[in-house]
Amino acid sequence: MDDLAGFLRTRRSRVDPAAAGIPTDSRRRVEGLRREEVAHLSGVSVDYYVRLEQGRATQPSEQVLDALARVLGLDATEQEHLHRLARQPRRRAKAPGGRIRPELLRVLDLVSGAPALIMDHRLDVLACNRLAELLYGRPAQGLNTARHIFLEEQERGLYGEWESCTRDVVGHLRLAAGKYPDDPRLASLIGELSMGSERFRRLWARADVRARTHGRKSYRHPLVGLLELHQENFALPDGSGVELLVLSATPGSPTEDSLRLLAGLDTPDPRPAPLPRLHEQP
């Protein structure tokens, strides 16, 4: 699904030659750096770097990878992804299963004032609390949020910043593809999204990677309006790729009030139904 050669090519094409200290003129037709320029700046032979980009050289040293990361301007997430891709032929991570421990489900139930979900590396919702279901307006367990964002156009209005969400999703799936290259369900999902969404195809071709950690998330709920939430991702320590996501509101904010209203919409009225009058039909 992803390989070292393709990642190097896309990263090379985005580097500004001037920022790398390489003079340019109007005759330059290459987008980004040339292969020989990357080789020179990273201290490897041109032949070796060409073989890396062609997939004919394997197992580059840690020193070579670090030098390439520096020349290509990779951030910490991209650098980790580069090293993982380079290690693939030697050791491949096994895709984790989807079983959730009962103890973790109890933790999920304790989160009462905020939408909370348990999600795997494929962005499948494995479990969620009731407020998360009210946020999505449907039973969320079993929902794949990548399909929801890219393929269900009628749901696009839920996401206050849809384009930003699509970039986050593709960046996450790129990371997952590098970590679990032998996961057939992940490969099938990526194929389905590629067939069904032009935007997904364009973003996937860029080979950007993004780690989900925390950040602002905006939703436009049809019943309670705009929800400005903060998403915090808690990765399980077992290395399974499963995370607990909690979407919280700033205390005292309009969003906090809206979440209370949303939760109340699902609360049965405790008052008994009035008795029918004599002239009414029961």
C-alpha atoms as a PDB file:
ATOM      1  CA  MET A   1       0.000   0.000   0.000  1.00  0.00           C
ATOM      2  CA  ASP A   2       2.905   2.332   0.666  1.00  0.00           C
ATOM      3  CA  ASP A   3       6.624   2.114   0.012  1.00  0.00           C
ATOM      4  CA  LEU A   4       9.851   3.889   0.708  1.00  0.00           C
ATOM      5  CA  ALA A   5      10.492   4.767  -2.943  1.00  0.00           C
ATOM      6  CA  GLY A   6       7.165   6.517  -3.439  1.00  0.00           C
ATOM      7  CA  PHE A   7       7.456   8.420  -0.174  1.00  0.00           C
ATOM      8  CA  LEU A   8      10.924   9.718  -1.077  1.00  0.00           C
ATOM      9  CA  ARG A   9       9.707  10.898  -4.479  1.00  0.00           C
ATOM     10  CA  THR A  10       6.795  12.870  -3.086  1.00  0.00           C
ATOM     11  CA  ARG A  11       8.860  14.434  -0.302  1.00  0.00           C
ATOM     12  CA  ARG A  12      11.622  15.430  -2.730  1.00  0.00           C
ATOM     13  CA  SER A  13       9.149  17.199  -5.005  1.00  0.00           C
ATOM     14  CA  ARG A  14       7.946  19.538  -2.249  1.00  0.00           C
ATOM     15  CA  VAL A  15      11.338  20.871  -1.108  1.00  0.00           C
ATOM     16  CA  ASP A  16      12.071  24.451  -2.117  1.00  0.00           C
ATOM     17  CA  PRO A  17      15.551  24.430  -3.779  1.00  0.00           C
ATOM     18  CA  ALA A  18      16.255  27.967  -2.571  1.00  0.00           C
ATOM     19  CA  ALA A  19      15.587  26.931   1.031  1.00  0.00           C
ATOM     20  CA  ALA A  20      18.116  24.121   0.543  1.00  0.00           C
ATOM     21  CA  GLY A  21      20.726  26.602  -0.672  1.00  0.00           C
ATOM     22  CA  ILE A  22      20.479  25.670  -4.354  1.00  0.00           C
ATOM     23  CA  PRO A  23      20.331  28.578  -6.812  1.00  0.00           C
ATOM     24  CA  THR A  24      17.548  28.408  -9.383  1.00  0.00           C
ATOM     25  CA  ASP A  25      16.700  30.156 -12.624  1.00  0.00           C
ATOM     26  CA  SER A  26      13.893  30.209 -15.180  1.00  0.00           C
ATOM     27  CA  ARG A  27      15.307  27.193 -16.985  1.00  0.00           C
ATOM     28  CA  ARG A  28      14.686  24.856 -14.082  1.00  0.00           C
ATOM     29  CA  ARG A  29      11.811  22.501 -14.900  1.00  0.00           C
ATOM     30  CA  VAL A  30      12.001  20.140 -11.925  1.00  0.00           C
ATOM     31  CA  GLU A  31       9.487  20.552  -9.111  1.00  0.00           C
ATOM     32  CA  GLY A  32      11.423  20.410  -5.868  1.00  0.00           C
ATOM     33  CA  LEU A  33      14.903  18.927  -5.697  1.00  0.00           C
ATOM     34  CA  ARG A  34      16.618  16.764  -8.295  1.00  0.00           C
ATOM     35  CA  ARG A  35      17.740  13.284  -7.274  1.00  0.00           C
ATOM     36  CA  GLU A  36      21.405  14.219  -7.526  1.00  0.00           C
ATOM     37  CA  GLU A  37      20.790  17.248  -5.317  1.00  0.00           C
ATOM     38  CA  VAL A  38      19.209  15.120  -2.607  1.00  0.00           C
ATOM     39  CA  ALA A  39      22.109  12.681  -2.850  1.00  0.00           C
ATOM     40  CA  HIS A  40      24.711  15.434  -2.587  1.00  0.00           C
ATOM     41  CA  LEU A  41      23.032  17.183   0.348  1.00  0.00           C
ATOM     42  CA  SER A  42      22.547  13.920   2.270  1.00  0.00           C
ATOM     43  CA  GLY A  43      26.057  12.600   1.620  1.00  0.00           C
ATOM     44  CA  VAL A  44      25.177   9.460  -0.365  1.00  0.00           C
ATOM     45  CA  SER A  45      26.071   8.516  -3.913  1.00  0.00           C
ATOM     46  CA  VAL A  46      23.716   9.485  -6.703  1.00  0.00           C
ATOM     47  CA  ASP A  47      23.526   5.863  -7.824  1.00  0.00           C
ATOM     48  CA  TYR A  48      22.495   4.697  -4.358  1.00  0.00           C
ATOM     49  CA  TYR A  49      19.807   7.349  -4.000  1.00  0.00           C
ATOM     50  CA  VAL A  50      18.425   6.568  -7.461  1.00  0.00           C
ATOM     51  CA  ARG A  51      18.200   2.907  -6.480  1.00  0.00           C
ATOM     52  CA  LEU A  52      16.322   3.930  -3.310  1.00  0.00           C
ATOM     53  CA  GLU A  53      13.742   5.831  -5.351  1.00  0.00           C
ATOM     54  CA  GLN A  54      13.427   2.946  -7.780  1.00  0.00           C
ATOM     55  CA  GLY A  55      12.905   0.409  -5.004  1.00  0.00           C
ATOM     56  CA  ARG A  56      16.098  -1.459  -5.880  1.00  0.00           C
ATOM     57  CA  ALA A  57      18.000  -0.670  -2.670  1.00  0.00           C
ATOM     58  CA  THR A  58      16.787  -2.003   0.659  1.00  0.00           C
ATOM     59  CA  GLN A  59      17.651  -1.574   4.310  1.00  0.00           C
ATOM     60  CA  PRO A  60      19.298   1.871   4.277  1.00  0.00           C
ATOM     61  CA  SER A  61      21.172   2.620   7.488  1.00  0.00           C
ATOM     62  CA  GLU A  62      19.774   4.767  10.273  1.00  0.00           C
ATOM     63  CA  GLN A  63      22.383   7.403   9.431  1.00  0.00           C
ATOM     64  CA  VAL A  64      21.278   7.554   5.782  1.00  0.00           C
ATOM     65  CA  LEU A  65      17.622   7.819   6.784  1.00  0.00           C
ATOM     66  CA  ASP A  66      18.344  10.590   9.258  1.00  0.00           C
ATOM     67  CA  ALA A  67      20.324  12.487   6.605  1.00  0.00           C
ATOM     68  CA  LEU A  68      17.497  12.116   4.073  1.00  0.00           C
ATOM     69  CA  ALA A  69      14.962  13.274   6.661  1.00  0.00           C
ATOM     70  CA  ARG A  70      17.051  16.386   7.305  1.00  0.00           C
ATOM     71  CA  VAL A  71      17.443  17.238   3.609  1.00  0.00           C
ATOM     72  CA  LEU A  72      13.768  16.598   2.861  1.00  0.00           C
ATOM     73  CA  GLY A  73      12.632  18.663   5.833  1.00  0.00           C
ATOM     74  CA  LEU A  74      10.594  15.872   7.429  1.00  0.00           C
ATOM     75  CA  ASP A  75       8.794  16.516  10.683  1.00  0.00           C
ATOM     76  CA  ALA A  76       8.838  13.991  13.532  1.00  0.00           C
ATOM     77  CA  THR A  77       5.810  12.080  12.236  1.00  0.00           C
ATOM     78  CA  GLU A  78       7.194  11.883   8.697  1.00  0.00           C
ATOM     79  CA  GLN A  79      10.619  10.832   9.947  1.00  0.00           C
ATOM     80  CA  GLU A  80       9.113   7.990  11.977  1.00  0.00           C
ATOM     81  CA  HIS A  81       7.111   6.962   8.902  1.00  0.00           C
ATOM     82  CA  LEU A  82      10.294   6.979   6.770  1.00  0.00           C
ATOM     83  CA  HIS A  83      12.091   4.694   9.198  1.00  0.00           C
ATOM     84  CA  ARG A  84       9.100   2.363   9.387  1.00  0.00           C
ATOM     85  CA  LEU A  85       8.889   2.067   5.596  1.00  0.00           C
ATOM     86  CA  ALA A  86      12.592   1.272   5.434  1.00  0.00           C
ATOM     87  CA  ARG A  87      12.165  -1.549   7.997  1.00  0.00           C
ATOM     88  CA  GLN A  88       9.222  -3.234   6.258  1.00  0.00           C
ATOM     89  CA  PRO A  89      11.072  -6.089   4.495  1.00  0.00           C
ATOM     90  CA  ARG A  90      12.638  -7.161   7.792  1.00  0.00           C
ATOM     91  CA  ARG A  91       9.674  -6.914  10.165  1.00  0.00           C
ATOM     92  CA  ARG A  92       6.021  -6.290   9.456  1.00  0.00           C
ATOM     93  CA  ALA A  93       3.567  -5.448  12.179  1.00  0.00           C
ATOM     94  CA  LYS A  94       0.529  -7.684  12.418  1.00  0.00           C
ATOM     95  CA  ALA A  95      -2.781  -5.879  12.148  1.00  0.00           C
ATOM     96  CA  PRO A  96      -4.520  -5.965  15.538  1.00  0.00           C
ATOM     97  CA  GLY A  97      -7.914  -7.487  16.097  1.00  0.00           C
ATOM     98  CA  GLY A  98     -11.036  -5.604  17.094  1.00  0.00           C
ATOM     99  CA  ARG A  99     -11.830  -7.078  20.537  1.00  0.00           C
ATOM    100  CA  ILE A 100     -12.295  -4.505  23.275  1.00  0.00           C
ATOM    101  CA  ARG A 101     -11.648  -5.415  26.897  1.00  0.00           C
ATOM    102  CA  PRO A 102     -14.700  -5.072  29.171  1.00  0.00           C
ATOM    103  CA  GLU A 103     -12.644  -2.906  31.527  1.00  0.00           C
ATOM    104  CA  LEU A 104     -12.066  -0.381  28.740  1.00  0.00           C
ATOM    105  CA  LEU A 105     -15.771  -0.330  27.949  1.00  0.00           C
ATOM    106  CA  ARG A 106     -16.425   0.559  31.589  1.00  0.00           C
ATOM    107  CA  VAL A 107     -14.035   3.488  31.260  1.00  0.00           C
ATOM    108  CA  LEU A 108     -15.957   4.603  28.176  1.00  0.00           C
ATOM    109  CA  ASP A 109     -19.216   4.545  30.134  1.00  0.00           C
ATOM    110  CA  LEU A 110     -17.694   6.837  32.761  1.00  0.00           C
ATOM    111  CA  VAL A 111     -17.330   9.611  30.180  1.00  0.00           C
ATOM    112  CA  SER A 112     -20.784  11.151  30.470  1.00  0.00           C
ATOM    113  CA  GLY A 113     -20.390  14.819  29.551  1.00  0.00           C
ATOM    114  CA  ALA A 114     -18.560  14.459  26.261  1.00  0.00           C
ATOM    115  CA  PRO A 115     -18.765  12.300  23.130  1.00  0.00           C
ATOM    116  CA  ALA A 116     -16.245   9.463  23.452  1.00  0.00           C
ATOM    117  CA  LEU A 117     -15.293   6.703  21.034  1.00  0.00           C
ATOM    118  CA  ILE A 118     -12.910   3.771  20.825  1.00  0.00           C
ATOM    119  CA  MET A 119     -11.421   3.610  17.327  1.00  0.00           C
ATOM    120  CA  ASP A 120      -8.890   1.382  15.573  1.00  0.00           C
ATOM    121  CA  HIS A 121      -6.203   2.176  13.003  1.00  0.00           C
ATOM    122  CA  ARG A 122      -8.704   1.770  10.127  1.00  0.00           C
ATOM    123  CA  LEU A 123     -10.909   4.470  11.719  1.00  0.00           C
ATOM    124  CA  ASP A 124     -13.573   1.903  12.567  1.00  0.00           C
ATOM    125  CA  VAL A 125     -15.604   2.858  15.639  1.00  0.00           C
ATOM    126  CA  LEU A 126     -15.362  -0.192  17.902  1.00  0.00           C
ATOM    127  CA  ALA A 127     -17.454   1.277  20.717  1.00  0.00           C
ATOM    128  CA  CYS A 128     -18.838   4.640  21.806  1.00  0.00           C
ATOM    129  CA  ASN A 129     -20.955   6.296  24.454  1.00  0.00           C
ATOM    130  CA  ARG A 130     -24.486   7.563  23.917  1.00  0.00           C
ATOM    131  CA  LEU A 131     -23.445  11.186  23.426  1.00  0.00           C
ATOM    132  CA  ALA A 132     -21.224  10.167  20.499  1.00  0.00           C
ATOM    133  CA  GLU A 133     -24.202   8.467  18.874  1.00  0.00           C
ATOM    134  CA  LEU A 134     -26.248  11.625  19.363  1.00  0.00           C
ATOM    135  CA  LEU A 135     -23.433  13.642  17.774  1.00  0.00           C
ATOM    136  CA  TYR A 136     -23.438  11.446  14.660  1.00  0.00           C
ATOM    137  CA  GLY A 137     -27.209  11.053  14.702  1.00  0.00           C
ATOM    138  CA  ARG A 138     -26.957   7.269  14.328  1.00  0.00           C
ATOM    139  CA  PRO A 139     -25.579   4.196  16.070  1.00  0.00           C
ATOM    140  CA  ALA A 140     -21.850   4.863  15.767  1.00  0.00           C
ATOM    141  CA  GLN A 141     -20.487   1.425  16.627  1.00  0.00           C
ATOM    142  CA  GLY A 142     -19.362  -0.168  13.368  1.00  0.00           C
ATOM    143  CA  LEU A 143     -19.197   3.197  11.616  1.00  0.00           C
ATOM    144  CA  ASN A 144     -16.038   3.869   9.623  1.00  0.00           C
ATOM    145  CA  THR A 145     -15.360   7.588   9.865  1.00  0.00           C
ATOM    146  CA  ALA A 146     -13.284   7.649   6.662  1.00  0.00           C
ATOM    147  CA  ARG A 147     -16.258   6.331   4.659  1.00  0.00           C
ATOM    148  CA  HIS A 148     -18.525   8.709   6.548  1.00  0.00           C
ATOM    149  CA  ILE A 149     -16.415  11.727   5.598  1.00  0.00           C
ATOM    150  CA  PHE A 150     -15.563  10.850   1.991  1.00  0.00           C
ATOM    151  CA  LEU A 151     -18.401   8.698   0.668  1.00  0.00           C
ATOM    152  CA  GLU A 152     -21.566   9.808   2.474  1.00  0.00           C
ATOM    153  CA  GLU A 153     -22.116  13.216   0.887  1.00  0.00           C
ATOM    154  CA  GLN A 154     -25.334  13.824   2.796  1.00  0.00           C
ATOM    155  CA  GLU A 155     -23.286  13.733   6.027  1.00  0.00           C
ATOM    156  CA  ARG A 156     -20.665  16.243   4.865  1.00  0.00           C
ATOM    157  CA  GLY A 157     -22.458  19.151   6.559  1.00  0.00           C
ATOM    158  CA  LEU A 158     -21.813  17.600   9.972  1.00  0.00           C
ATOM    159  CA  TYR A 159     -18.146  18.538   9.738  1.00  0.00           C
ATOM    160  CA  GLY A 160     -17.567  22.237  10.302  1.00  0.00           C
ATOM    161  CA  GLU A 161     -14.158  22.034   8.598  1.00  0.00           C
ATOM    162  CA  TRP A 162     -14.666  19.206   6.120  1.00  0.00           C
ATOM    163  CA  GLU A 163     -11.582  19.825   4.002  1.00  0.00           C
ATOM    164  CA  SER A 164      -9.323  19.830   7.052  1.00  0.00           C
ATOM    165  CA  CYS A 165     -10.953  16.617   8.253  1.00  0.00           C
ATOM    166  CA  THR A 166     -10.267  14.918   4.920  1.00  0.00           C
ATOM    167  CA  ARG A 167      -6.568  15.804   5.135  1.00  0.00           C
ATOM    168  CA  ASP A 168      -6.389  14.432   8.673  1.00  0.00           C
ATOM    169  CA  VAL A 169      -8.072  11.187   7.647  1.00  0.00           C
ATOM    170  CA  VAL A 170      -5.802  10.573   4.667  1.00  0.00           C
ATOM    171  CA  GLY A 171      -2.713  11.441   6.691  1.00  0.00           C
ATOM    172  CA  HIS A 172      -3.733   8.954   9.367  1.00  0.00           C
ATOM    173  CA  LEU A 173      -4.487   6.186   6.860  1.00  0.00           C
ATOM    174  CA  ARG A 174      -1.064   6.767   5.255  1.00  0.00           C
ATOM    175  CA  LEU A 175       0.566   6.178   8.611  1.00  0.00           C
ATOM    176  CA  ALA A 176      -1.548   3.072   9.180  1.00  0.00           C
ATOM    177  CA  ALA A 177      -0.654   1.712   5.735  1.00  0.00           C
ATOM    178  CA  GLY A 178       3.024   2.101   6.561  1.00  0.00           C
ATOM    179  CA  LYS A 179       2.620   0.352   9.904  1.00  0.00           C
ATOM    180  CA  TYR A 180       0.307  -2.442   8.728  1.00  0.00           C
ATOM    181  CA  PRO A 181       1.176  -3.049   5.041  1.00  0.00           C
ATOM    182  CA  ASP A 182      -0.266  -6.581   5.149  1.00  0.00           C
ATOM    183  CA  ASP A 183      -3.693  -5.648   6.524  1.00  0.00           C
ATOM    184  CA  PRO A 184      -6.201  -6.720   3.830  1.00  0.00           C
ATOM    185  CA  ARG A 185      -9.114  -4.839   5.397  1.00  0.00           C
ATOM    186  CA  LEU A 186      -7.118  -1.623   5.400  1.00  0.00           C
ATOM    187  CA  ALA A 187      -6.074  -2.176   1.786  1.00  0.00           C
ATOM    188  CA  SER A 188      -9.698  -2.818   0.834  1.00  0.00           C
ATOM    189  CA  LEU A 189     -10.817   0.377   2.580  1.00  0.00           C
ATOM    190  CA  ILE A 190      -8.187   2.462   0.787  1.00  0.00           C
ATOM    191  CA  GLY A 191      -9.219   0.929  -2.527  1.00  0.00           C
ATOM    192  CA  GLU A 192     -12.887   1.668  -1.840  1.00  0.00           C
ATOM    193  CA  LEU A 193     -12.153   5.281  -0.935  1.00  0.00           C
ATOM    194  CA  SER A 194      -9.956   5.693  -4.011  1.00  0.00           C
ATOM    195  CA  MET A 195     -12.699   4.395  -6.282  1.00  0.00           C
ATOM    196  CA  GLY A 196     -15.435   6.470  -4.665  1.00  0.00           C
ATOM    197  CA  SER A 197     -13.807   9.847  -4.014  1.00  0.00           C
ATOM    198  CA  GLU A 198     -11.758  12.036  -6.314  1.00  0.00           C
ATOM    199  CA  ARG A 199     -10.637  14.142  -3.363  1.00  0.00           C
ATOM    200  CA  PHE A 200      -9.349  11.053  -1.578  1.00  0.00           C
ATOM    201  CA  ARG A 201      -7.350  10.072  -4.686  1.00  0.00           C
ATOM    202  CA  ARG A 202      -5.768  13.526  -4.903  1.00  0.00           C
ATOM    203  CA  LEU A 203      -4.853  13.625  -1.235  1.00  0.00           C
ATOM    204  CA  TRP A 204      -3.555  10.047  -1.234  1.00  0.00           C
ATOM    205  CA  ALA A 205      -1.227  10.830  -4.142  1.00  0.00           C
ATOM    206  CA  ARG A 206       0.447  13.523  -2.019  1.00  0.00           C
ATOM    207  CA  ALA A 207       1.636  10.861   0.479  1.00  0.00           C
ATOM    208  CA  ASP A 208       1.253  13.224   3.442  1.00  0.00           C
ATOM    209  CA  VAL A 209       1.253  11.594   6.868  1.00  0.00           C
ATOM    210  CA  ARG A 210      -0.391  12.921  10.024  1.00  0.00           C
ATOM    211  CA  ALA A 211      -0.510  11.602  13.554  1.00  0.00           C
ATOM    212  CA  ARG A 212      -3.748  11.938  15.486  1.00  0.00           C
ATOM    213  CA  THR A 213      -3.021  13.341  18.938  1.00  0.00           C
ATOM    214  CA  HIS A 214      -5.225  16.291  19.832  1.00  0.00           C
ATOM    215  CA  GLY A 215      -6.767  19.372  18.333  1.00  0.00           C
ATOM    216  CA  ARG A 216      -9.876  21.413  17.679  1.00  0.00           C
ATOM    217  CA  LYS A 217     -12.846  19.768  15.974  1.00  0.00           C
ATOM    218  CA  SER A 218     -15.875  21.634  14.706  1.00  0.00           C
ATOM    219  CA  TYR A 219     -19.281  20.038  14.070  1.00  0.00           C
ATOM    220  CA  ARG A 220     -22.560  21.500  12.809  1.00  0.00           C
ATOM    221  CA  HIS A 221     -25.282  19.437  14.427  1.00  0.00           C
ATOM    222  CA  PRO A 222     -28.746  19.716  12.840  1.00  0.00           C
ATOM    223  CA  LEU A 223     -30.446  19.988  16.247  1.00  0.00           C
ATOM    224  CA  VAL A 224     -28.124  22.033  18.472  1.00  0.00           C
ATOM    225  CA  GLY A 225     -26.008  23.937  15.942  1.00  0.00           C
ATOM    226  CA  LEU A 226     -22.276  24.616  16.012  1.00  0.00           C
ATOM    227  CA  LEU A 227     -20.162  22.535  18.398  1.00  0.00           C
ATOM    228  CA  GLU A 228     -16.581  23.699  18.951  1.00  0.00           C
ATOM    229  CA  LEU A 229     -14.914  20.710  20.596  1.00  0.00           C
ATOM    230  CA  HIS A 230     -11.407  19.679  21.579  1.00  0.00           C
ATOM    231  CA  GLN A 231     -10.383  16.155  20.587  1.00  0.00           C
ATOM    232  CA  GLU A 232      -7.904  14.317  22.771  1.00  0.00           C
ATOM    233  CA  ASN A 233      -6.561  10.944  21.606  1.00  0.00           C
ATOM    234  CA  PHE A 234      -5.421   8.387  24.171  1.00  0.00           C
ATOM    235  CA  ALA A 235      -3.510   5.534  22.529  1.00  0.00           C
ATOM    236  CA  LEU A 236      -3.705   2.221  24.371  1.00  0.00           C
ATOM    237  CA  PRO A 237      -0.298   1.194  25.763  1.00  0.00           C
ATOM    238  CA  ASP A 238      -0.502  -2.275  24.178  1.00  0.00           C
ATOM    239  CA  GLY A 239       0.574  -0.971  20.750  1.00  0.00           C
ATOM    240  CA  SER A 240      -2.645  -2.204  19.144  1.00  0.00           C
ATOM    241  CA  GLY A 241      -3.344   1.022  17.275  1.00  0.00           C
ATOM    242  CA  VAL A 242      -6.619   1.376  19.187  1.00  0.00           C
ATOM    243  CA  GLU A 243      -7.349   4.771  20.723  1.00  0.00           C
ATOM    244  CA  LEU A 244      -9.877   6.342  23.063  1.00  0.00           C
ATOM    245  CA  LEU A 245     -11.080   9.654  21.625  1.00  0.00           C
ATOM    246  CA  VAL A 246     -12.805  12.208  23.842  1.00  0.00           C
ATOM    247  CA  LEU A 247     -14.429  15.349  22.398  1.00  0.00           C
ATOM    248  CA  SER A 248     -14.730  17.878  25.204  1.00  0.00           C
ATOM    249  CA  ALA A 249     -16.139  21.400  25.412  1.00  0.00           C
ATOM    250  CA  THR A 250     -14.551  24.369  27.148  1.00  0.00           C
ATOM    251  CA  PRO A 251     -16.229  24.807  30.559  1.00  0.00           C
ATOM    252  CA  GLY A 252     -18.816  27.572  30.501  1.00  0.00           C
ATOM    253  CA  SER A 253     -18.835  27.764  26.702  1.00  0.00           C
ATOM    254  CA  PRO A 254     -21.907  27.743  24.445  1.00  0.00           C
ATOM    255  CA  THR A 255     -20.770  24.320  23.216  1.00  0.00           C
ATOM    256  CA  GLU A 256     -20.945  22.930  26.738  1.00  0.00           C
ATOM    257  CA  ASP A 257     -24.538  24.147  26.959  1.00  0.00           C
ATOM    258  CA  SER A 258     -25.269  22.624  23.541  1.00  0.00           C
ATOM    259  CA  LEU A 259     -23.889  19.256  24.624  1.00  0.00           C
ATOM    260  CA  ARG A 260     -26.148  19.313  27.687  1.00  0.00           C
ATOM    261  CA  LEU A 261     -29.071  20.125  25.419  1.00  0.00           C
ATOM    262  CA  LEU A 262     -28.117  17.315  23.062  1.00  0.00           C
ATOM    263  CA  ALA A 263     -27.887  14.846  25.925  1.00  0.00           C
ATOM    264  CA  GLY A 264     -31.265  16.037  27.234  1.00  0.00           C
ATOM    265  CA  LEU A 265     -32.930  15.404  23.896  1.00  0.00           C
ATOM    266  CA  ASP A 266     -32.330  11.706  24.490  1.00  0.00           C
ATOM    267  CA  THR A 267     -33.598  11.710  28.074  1.00  0.00           C
ATOM    268  CA  PRO A 268     -37.115  10.303  28.563  1.00  0.00           C
ATOM    269  CA  ASP A 269     -39.563  12.692  30.198  1.00  0.00           C
ATOM    270  CA  PRO A 270     -39.879  11.442  33.826  1.00  0.00           C
ATOM    271  CA  ARG A 271     -43.378  12.879  34.188  1.00  0.00           C
ATOM    272  CA  PRO A 272     -46.230  10.405  33.721  1.00  0.00           C
ATOM    273  CA  ALA A 273     -48.361  10.810  30.630  1.00  0.00           C
ATOM    274  CA  PRO A 274     -51.566  12.764  31.383  1.00  0.00           C
ATOM    275  CA  LEU A 275     -54.785  10.780  31.663  1.00  0.00           C
ATOM    276  CA  PRO A 276     -57.108  11.191  28.680  1.00  0.00           C
ATOM    277  CA  ARG A 277     -60.106  13.383  29.162  1.00  0.00           C
ATOM    278  CA  LEU A 278     -63.519  11.809  28.976  1.00  0.00           C
ATOM    279  CA  HIS A 279     -64.208  13.097  25.489  1.00  0.00           C
ATOM    280  CA  GLU A 280     -60.794  11.993  24.170  1.00  0.00           C
ATOM    281  CA  GLN A 281     -59.969   8.614  22.774  1.00  0.00           C
ATOM    282  CA  PRO A 282     -57.324   6.801  24.737  1.00  0.00           C
END
